[in-house]
Amino acid sequence: MRSPDRCPKCQSKKWNDDGSGKPRQSGLPTDRKIAVFLRYNDGYGCLEISRELGISFDSVYAAVKEAFPDSEPRI
């Protein structure tokens, strides 16, 4: 599965682009990243994790991409 073309919330095509050409970094504190990774390892997708933890989808997606750079995250 590939990265979404548009932000699920605002429909922006540049939702994961900071202008540098590199994927956006999550900027989440370590404890929030751990919570994301634990749920992701339990089989949750990024959208479900985002809703459950109250973290923006793009931050969750970026955190998962940081941890697993060679695979496409589950949406």
PDB file of N, CA and C in Angstrom:
ATOM      1  N   MET A   1       0.848  -1.176   0.000  1.00  0.00           N
ATOM      2  CA  MET A   1       0.000   0.000   0.000  1.00  0.00           C
ATOM      3  C   MET A   1       0.893   1.238   0.000  1.00  0.00           C
ATOM      4  N   ARG A   2       0.536   2.231  -0.769  1.00  0.00           N
ATOM      5  CA  ARG A   2       1.359   3.422  -0.861  1.00  0.00           C
ATOM      6  C   ARG A   2       0.775   4.562  -0.021  1.00  0.00           C
ATOM      7  N   SER A   3       1.544   5.608   0.131  1.00  0.00           N
ATOM      8  CA  SER A   3       1.120   6.772   0.885  1.00  0.00           C
ATOM      9  C   SER A   3      -0.110   7.410   0.231  1.00  0.00           C
ATOM     10  N   PRO A   4      -1.062   7.890   1.031  1.00  0.00           N
ATOM     11  CA  PRO A   4      -2.239   8.545   0.447  1.00  0.00           C
ATOM     12  C   PRO A   4      -1.841   9.784  -0.358  1.00  0.00           C
ATOM     13  N   ASP A   5      -2.551  10.041  -1.455  1.00  0.00           N
ATOM     14  CA  ASP A   5      -2.277  11.215  -2.281  1.00  0.00           C
ATOM     15  C   ASP A   5      -2.750  12.504  -1.619  1.00  0.00           C
ATOM     16  N   ARG A   6      -3.781  12.384  -0.803  1.00  0.00           N
ATOM     17  CA  ARG A   6      -4.366  13.561  -0.153  1.00  0.00           C
ATOM     18  C   ARG A   6      -4.557  13.302   1.339  1.00  0.00           C
ATOM     19  N   CYS A   7      -4.549  14.369   2.105  1.00  0.00           N
ATOM     20  CA  CYS A   7      -4.836  14.283   3.528  1.00  0.00           C
ATOM     21  C   CYS A   7      -6.286  13.833   3.705  1.00  0.00           C
ATOM     22  N   PRO A   8      -6.528  12.816   4.541  1.00  0.00           N
ATOM     23  CA  PRO A   8      -7.899  12.362   4.745  1.00  0.00           C
ATOM     24  C   PRO A   8      -8.821  13.441   5.321  1.00  0.00           C
ATOM     25  N   LYS A   9      -8.244  14.390   6.053  1.00  0.00           N
ATOM     26  CA  LYS A   9      -9.066  15.415   6.695  1.00  0.00           C
ATOM     27  C   LYS A   9      -9.265  16.652   5.805  1.00  0.00           C
ATOM     28  N   CYS A  10      -8.161  17.250   5.334  1.00  0.00           N
ATOM     29  CA  CYS A  10      -8.270  18.527   4.610  1.00  0.00           C
ATOM     30  C   CYS A  10      -8.161  18.380   3.100  1.00  0.00           C
ATOM     31  N   GLN A  11      -7.841  17.172   2.617  1.00  0.00           N
ATOM     32  CA  GLN A  11      -7.719  16.873   1.195  1.00  0.00           C
ATOM     33  C   GLN A  11      -6.537  17.561   0.508  1.00  0.00           C
ATOM     34  N   SER A  12      -5.583  18.094   1.285  1.00  0.00           N
ATOM     35  CA  SER A  12      -4.397  18.718   0.715  1.00  0.00           C
ATOM     36  C   SER A  12      -3.512  17.666   0.059  1.00  0.00           C
ATOM     37  N   LYS A  13      -2.943  17.999  -1.095  1.00  0.00           N
ATOM     38  CA  LYS A  13      -2.016  17.097  -1.760  1.00  0.00           C
ATOM     39  C   LYS A  13      -0.612  17.193  -1.150  1.00  0.00           C
ATOM     40  N   LYS A  14      -0.349  18.211  -0.367  1.00  0.00           N
ATOM     41  CA  LYS A  14       0.974  18.401   0.223  1.00  0.00           C
ATOM     42  C   LYS A  14       0.959  18.115   1.726  1.00  0.00           C
ATOM     43  N   TRP A  15       0.107  17.217   2.161  1.00  0.00           N
ATOM     44  CA  TRP A  15      -0.056  16.929   3.583  1.00  0.00           C
ATOM     45  C   TRP A  15       1.185  16.341   4.218  1.00  0.00           C
ATOM     46  N   ASN A  16       2.042  15.674   3.451  1.00  0.00           N
ATOM     47  CA  ASN A  16       3.221  15.017   4.015  1.00  0.00           C
ATOM     48  C   ASN A  16       4.501  15.604   3.433  1.00  0.00           C
ATOM     49  N   ASP A  17       4.476  16.874   3.062  1.00  0.00           N
ATOM     50  CA  ASP A  17       5.609  17.516   2.415  1.00  0.00           C
ATOM     51  C   ASP A  17       5.932  18.812   3.149  1.00  0.00           C
ATOM     52  N   ASP A  18       7.168  18.927   3.617  1.00  0.00           N
ATOM     53  CA  ASP A  18       7.570  20.162   4.288  1.00  0.00           C
ATOM     54  C   ASP A  18       8.337  21.094   3.356  1.00  0.00           C
ATOM     55  N   GLY A  19       8.375  20.755   2.060  1.00  0.00           N
ATOM     56  CA  GLY A  19       9.053  21.580   1.077  1.00  0.00           C
ATOM     57  C   GLY A  19      10.493  21.169   0.820  1.00  0.00           C
ATOM     58  N   SER A  20      11.024  20.271   1.631  1.00  0.00           N
ATOM     59  CA  SER A  20      12.412  19.861   1.478  1.00  0.00           C
ATOM     60  C   SER A  20      12.562  18.668   0.538  1.00  0.00           C
ATOM     61  N   GLY A  21      11.455  18.070   0.159  1.00  0.00           N
ATOM     62  CA  GLY A  21      11.510  16.879  -0.677  1.00  0.00           C
ATOM     63  C   GLY A  21      11.645  15.604   0.129  1.00  0.00           C
ATOM     64  N   LYS A  22      11.805  15.729   1.441  1.00  0.00           N
ATOM     65  CA  LYS A  22      11.899  14.572   2.335  1.00  0.00           C
ATOM     66  C   LYS A  22      10.566  14.411   3.061  1.00  0.00           C
ATOM     67  N   PRO A  23      10.206  13.176   3.408  1.00  0.00           N
ATOM     68  CA  PRO A  23       8.977  12.989   4.191  1.00  0.00           C
ATOM     69  C   PRO A  23       9.046  13.739   5.516  1.00  0.00           C
ATOM     70  N   ARG A  24       7.927  14.213   5.963  1.00  0.00           N
ATOM     71  CA  ARG A  24       7.832  14.974   7.205  1.00  0.00           C
ATOM     72  C   ARG A  24       8.163  14.096   8.401  1.00  0.00           C
ATOM     73  N   GLN A  25       8.883  14.643   9.372  1.00  0.00           N
ATOM     74  CA  GLN A  25       9.171  13.949  10.621  1.00  0.00           C
ATOM     75  C   GLN A  25       7.971  14.128  11.549  1.00  0.00           C
ATOM     76  N   SER A  26       7.724  13.145  12.382  1.00  0.00           N
ATOM     77  CA  SER A  26       6.512  13.168  13.205  1.00  0.00           C
ATOM     78  C   SER A  26       6.534  14.260  14.266  1.00  0.00           C
ATOM     79  N   GLY A  27       7.682  14.499  14.882  1.00  0.00           N
ATOM     80  CA  GLY A  27       7.759  15.497  15.943  1.00  0.00           C
ATOM     81  C   GLY A  27       7.079  15.068  17.227  1.00  0.00           C
ATOM     82  N   LEU A  28       6.687  13.799  17.321  1.00  0.00           N
ATOM     83  CA  LEU A  28       6.019  13.306  18.521  1.00  0.00           C
ATOM     84  C   LEU A  28       7.039  13.024  19.614  1.00  0.00           C
ATOM     85  N   PRO A  29       6.659  13.263  20.870  1.00  0.00           N
ATOM     86  CA  PRO A  29       7.539  12.879  21.972  1.00  0.00           C
ATOM     87  C   PRO A  29       7.679  11.353  22.033  1.00  0.00           C
ATOM     88  N   THR A  30       8.739  10.897  22.637  1.00  0.00           N
ATOM     89  CA  THR A  30       9.051   9.466  22.686  1.00  0.00           C
ATOM     90  C   THR A  30       7.910   8.633  23.248  1.00  0.00           C
ATOM     91  N   ASP A  31       7.265   9.087  24.318  1.00  0.00           N
ATOM     92  CA  ASP A  31       6.185   8.286  24.914  1.00  0.00           C
ATOM     93  C   ASP A  31       5.005   8.124  23.953  1.00  0.00           C
ATOM     94  N   ARG A  32       4.718   9.149  23.146  1.00  0.00           N
ATOM     95  CA  ARG A  32       3.625   9.042  22.167  1.00  0.00           C
ATOM     96  C   ARG A  32       4.020   8.113  21.013  1.00  0.00           C
ATOM     97  N   LYS A  33       5.297   8.172  20.597  1.00  0.00           N
ATOM     98  CA  LYS A  33       5.775   7.268  19.545  1.00  0.00           C
ATOM     99  C   LYS A  33       5.662   5.817  20.008  1.00  0.00           C
ATOM    100  N   ILE A  34       6.010   5.570  21.257  1.00  0.00           N
ATOM    101  CA  ILE A  34       5.914   4.207  21.792  1.00  0.00           C
ATOM    102  C   ILE A  34       4.465   3.732  21.753  1.00  0.00           C
ATOM    103  N   ALA A  35       3.536   4.599  22.130  1.00  0.00           N
ATOM    104  CA  ALA A  35       2.117   4.240  22.094  1.00  0.00           C
ATOM    105  C   ALA A  35       1.687   3.923  20.661  1.00  0.00           C
ATOM    106  N   VAL A  36       2.171   4.701  19.700  1.00  0.00           N
ATOM    107  CA  VAL A  36       1.859   4.453  18.291  1.00  0.00           C
ATOM    108  C   VAL A  36       2.421   3.101  17.857  1.00  0.00           C
ATOM    109  N   PHE A  37       3.696   2.849  18.180  1.00  0.00           N
ATOM    110  CA  PHE A  37       4.346   1.610  17.748  1.00  0.00           C
ATOM    111  C   PHE A  37       3.695   0.378  18.367  1.00  0.00           C
ATOM    112  N   LEU A  38       3.309   0.469  19.632  1.00  0.00           N
ATOM    113  CA  LEU A  38       2.656  -0.668  20.276  1.00  0.00           C
ATOM    114  C   LEU A  38       1.343  -1.018  19.576  1.00  0.00           C
ATOM    115  N   ARG A  39       0.565  -0.012  19.255  1.00  0.00           N
ATOM    116  CA  ARG A  39      -0.708  -0.262  18.562  1.00  0.00           C
ATOM    117  C   ARG A  39      -0.468  -0.748  17.133  1.00  0.00           C
ATOM    118  N   TYR A  40       0.530  -0.175  16.475  1.00  0.00           N
ATOM    119  CA  TYR A  40       0.840  -0.601  15.110  1.00  0.00           C
ATOM    120  C   TYR A  40       1.273  -2.066  15.093  1.00  0.00           C
ATOM    121  N   ASN A  41       2.093  -2.456  16.055  1.00  0.00           N
ATOM    122  CA  ASN A  41       2.542  -3.845  16.149  1.00  0.00           C
ATOM    123  C   ASN A  41       1.390  -4.795  16.494  1.00  0.00           C
ATOM    124  N   ASP A  42       0.339  -4.267  17.122  1.00  0.00           N
ATOM    125  CA  ASP A  42      -0.845  -5.077  17.434  1.00  0.00           C
ATOM    126  C   ASP A  42      -1.787  -5.203  16.239  1.00  0.00           C
ATOM    127  N   GLY A  43      -1.424  -4.582  15.113  1.00  0.00           N
ATOM    128  CA  GLY A  43      -2.219  -4.728  13.901  1.00  0.00           C
ATOM    129  C   GLY A  43      -3.096  -3.548  13.539  1.00  0.00           C
ATOM    130  N   TYR A  44      -3.076  -2.491  14.335  1.00  0.00           N
ATOM    131  CA  TYR A  44      -3.868  -1.305  14.033  1.00  0.00           C
ATOM    132  C   TYR A  44      -3.263  -0.569  12.845  1.00  0.00           C
ATOM    133  N   GLY A  45      -4.101   0.131  12.076  1.00  0.00           N
ATOM    134  CA  GLY A  45      -3.637   0.977  10.990  1.00  0.00           C
ATOM    135  C   GLY A  45      -3.430   2.400  11.487  1.00  0.00           C
ATOM    136  N   CYS A  46      -2.790   3.217  10.695  1.00  0.00           N
ATOM    137  CA  CYS A  46      -2.475   4.594  11.092  1.00  0.00           C
ATOM    138  C   CYS A  46      -3.717   5.420  11.410  1.00  0.00           C
ATOM    139  N   LEU A  47      -4.765   5.266  10.620  1.00  0.00           N
ATOM    140  CA  LEU A  47      -5.982   6.044  10.853  1.00  0.00           C
ATOM    141  C   LEU A  47      -6.630   5.676  12.180  1.00  0.00           C
ATOM    142  N   GLU A  48      -6.682   4.381  12.461  1.00  0.00           N
ATOM    143  CA  GLU A  48      -7.272   3.914  13.715  1.00  0.00           C
ATOM    144  C   GLU A  48      -6.446   4.389  14.918  1.00  0.00           C
ATOM    145  N   ILE A  49      -5.135   4.349  14.792  1.00  0.00           N
ATOM    146  CA  ILE A  49      -4.248   4.825  15.863  1.00  0.00           C
ATOM    147  C   ILE A  49      -4.455   6.319  16.074  1.00  0.00           C
ATOM    148  N   SER A  50      -4.543   7.056  14.981  1.00  0.00           N
ATOM    149  CA  SER A  50      -4.749   8.502  15.053  1.00  0.00           C
ATOM    150  C   SER A  50      -6.028   8.840  15.817  1.00  0.00           C
ATOM    151  N   ARG A  51      -7.100   8.148  15.481  1.00  0.00           N
ATOM    152  CA  ARG A  51      -8.384   8.406  16.150  1.00  0.00           C
ATOM    153  C   ARG A  51      -8.329   8.026  17.625  1.00  0.00           C
ATOM    154  N   GLU A  52      -7.731   6.864  17.909  1.00  0.00           N
ATOM    155  CA  GLU A  52      -7.699   6.377  19.288  1.00  0.00           C
ATOM    156  C   GLU A  52      -6.858   7.268  20.200  1.00  0.00           C
ATOM    157  N   LEU A  53      -5.703   7.717  19.698  1.00  0.00           N
ATOM    158  CA  LEU A  53      -4.791   8.499  20.534  1.00  0.00           C
ATOM    159  C   LEU A  53      -4.999  10.008  20.429  1.00  0.00           C
ATOM    160  N   GLY A  54      -5.818  10.447  19.480  1.00  0.00           N
ATOM    161  CA  GLY A  54      -6.042  11.881  19.311  1.00  0.00           C
ATOM    162  C   GLY A  54      -4.829  12.605  18.745  1.00  0.00           C
ATOM    163  N   ILE A  55      -4.073  11.906  17.893  1.00  0.00           N
ATOM    164  CA  ILE A  55      -2.892  12.466  17.243  1.00  0.00           C
ATOM    165  C   ILE A  55      -3.227  12.618  15.768  1.00  0.00           C
ATOM    166  N   SER A  56      -2.721  13.653  15.123  1.00  0.00           N
ATOM    167  CA  SER A  56      -3.019  13.832  13.704  1.00  0.00           C
ATOM    168  C   SER A  56      -2.537  12.639  12.891  1.00  0.00           C
ATOM    169  N   PHE A  57      -3.286  12.335  11.839  1.00  0.00           N
ATOM    170  CA  PHE A  57      -2.956  11.200  10.976  1.00  0.00           C
ATOM    171  C   PHE A  57      -1.549  11.343  10.414  1.00  0.00           C
ATOM    172  N   ASP A  58      -1.183  12.546   9.956  1.00  0.00           N
ATOM    173  CA  ASP A  58       0.134  12.699   9.340  1.00  0.00           C
ATOM    174  C   ASP A  58       1.263  12.495  10.337  1.00  0.00           C
ATOM    175  N   SER A  59       1.054  12.822  11.610  1.00  0.00           N
ATOM    176  CA  SER A  59       2.079  12.562  12.633  1.00  0.00           C
ATOM    177  C   SER A  59       2.231  11.068  12.896  1.00  0.00           C
ATOM    178  N   VAL A  60       1.109  10.360  12.954  1.00  0.00           N
ATOM    179  CA  VAL A  60       1.157   8.907  13.150  1.00  0.00           C
ATOM    180  C   VAL A  60       1.838   8.259  11.948  1.00  0.00           C
ATOM    181  N   TYR A  61       1.429   8.653  10.747  1.00  0.00           N
ATOM    182  CA  TYR A  61       2.002   8.088   9.523  1.00  0.00           C
ATOM    183  C   TYR A  61       3.512   8.347   9.473  1.00  0.00           C
ATOM    184  N   ALA A  62       3.931   9.569   9.793  1.00  0.00           N
ATOM    185  CA  ALA A  62       5.353   9.913   9.778  1.00  0.00           C
ATOM    186  C   ALA A  62       6.131   9.103  10.812  1.00  0.00           C
ATOM    187  N   ALA A  63       5.554   8.900  11.997  1.00  0.00           N
ATOM    188  CA  ALA A  63       6.215   8.118  13.034  1.00  0.00           C
ATOM    189  C   ALA A  63       6.413   6.670  12.589  1.00  0.00           C
ATOM    190  N   VAL A  64       5.398   6.102  11.951  1.00  0.00           N
ATOM    191  CA  VAL A  64       5.504   4.724  11.463  1.00  0.00           C
ATOM    192  C   VAL A  64       6.537   4.647  10.346  1.00  0.00           C
ATOM    193  N   LYS A  65       6.553   5.644   9.447  1.00  0.00           N
ATOM    194  CA  LYS A  65       7.553   5.663   8.369  1.00  0.00           C
ATOM    195  C   LYS A  65       8.965   5.785   8.930  1.00  0.00           C
ATOM    196  N   GLU A  66       9.138   6.541  10.019  1.00  0.00           N
ATOM    197  CA  GLU A  66      10.452   6.656  10.660  1.00  0.00           C
ATOM    198  C   GLU A  66      10.907   5.302  11.183  1.00  0.00           C
ATOM    199  N   ALA A  67       9.998   4.571  11.788  1.00  0.00           N
ATOM    200  CA  ALA A  67      10.331   3.287  12.402  1.00  0.00           C
ATOM    201  C   ALA A  67      10.491   2.168  11.372  1.00  0.00           C
ATOM    202  N   PHE A  68       9.723   2.239  10.298  1.00  0.00           N
ATOM    203  CA  PHE A  68       9.732   1.194   9.269  1.00  0.00           C
ATOM    204  C   PHE A  68       9.923   1.838   7.899  1.00  0.00           C
ATOM    205  N   PRO A  69      11.108   2.384   7.613  1.00  0.00           N
ATOM    206  CA  PRO A  69      11.306   3.164   6.386  1.00  0.00           C
ATOM    207  C   PRO A  69      11.214   2.362   5.086  1.00  0.00           C
ATOM    208  N   ASP A  70      11.392   1.059   5.155  1.00  0.00           N
ATOM    209  CA  ASP A  70      11.400   0.256   3.931  1.00  0.00           C
ATOM    210  C   ASP A  70      10.050  -0.353   3.573  1.00  0.00           C
ATOM    211  N   SER A  71       9.020  -0.037   4.342  1.00  0.00           N
ATOM    212  CA  SER A  71       7.707  -0.580   4.039  1.00  0.00           C
ATOM    213  C   SER A  71       6.654   0.527   4.070  1.00  0.00           C
ATOM    214  N   GLU A  72       5.572   0.298   3.374  1.00  0.00           N
ATOM    215  CA  GLU A  72       4.464   1.258   3.376  1.00  0.00           C
ATOM    216  C   GLU A  72       3.575   0.971   4.580  1.00  0.00           C
ATOM    217  N   PRO A  73       3.307   1.981   5.401  1.00  0.00           N
ATOM    218  CA  PRO A  73       2.465   1.779   6.584  1.00  0.00           C
ATOM    219  C   PRO A  73       1.035   1.377   6.241  1.00  0.00           C
ATOM    220  N   ARG A  74       0.444   0.618   7.137  1.00  0.00           N
ATOM    221  CA  ARG A  74      -0.984   0.289   7.003  1.00  0.00           C
ATOM    222  C   ARG A  74      -1.791   1.544   7.287  1.00  0.00           C
ATOM    223  N   ILE A  75      -2.731   1.811   6.449  1.00  0.00           N
ATOM    224  CA  ILE A  75      -3.572   2.992   6.631  1.00  0.00           C
ATOM    225  C   ILE A  75      -4.718   2.622   7.545  1.00  0.00           C
TER     226      ILE A  75
END
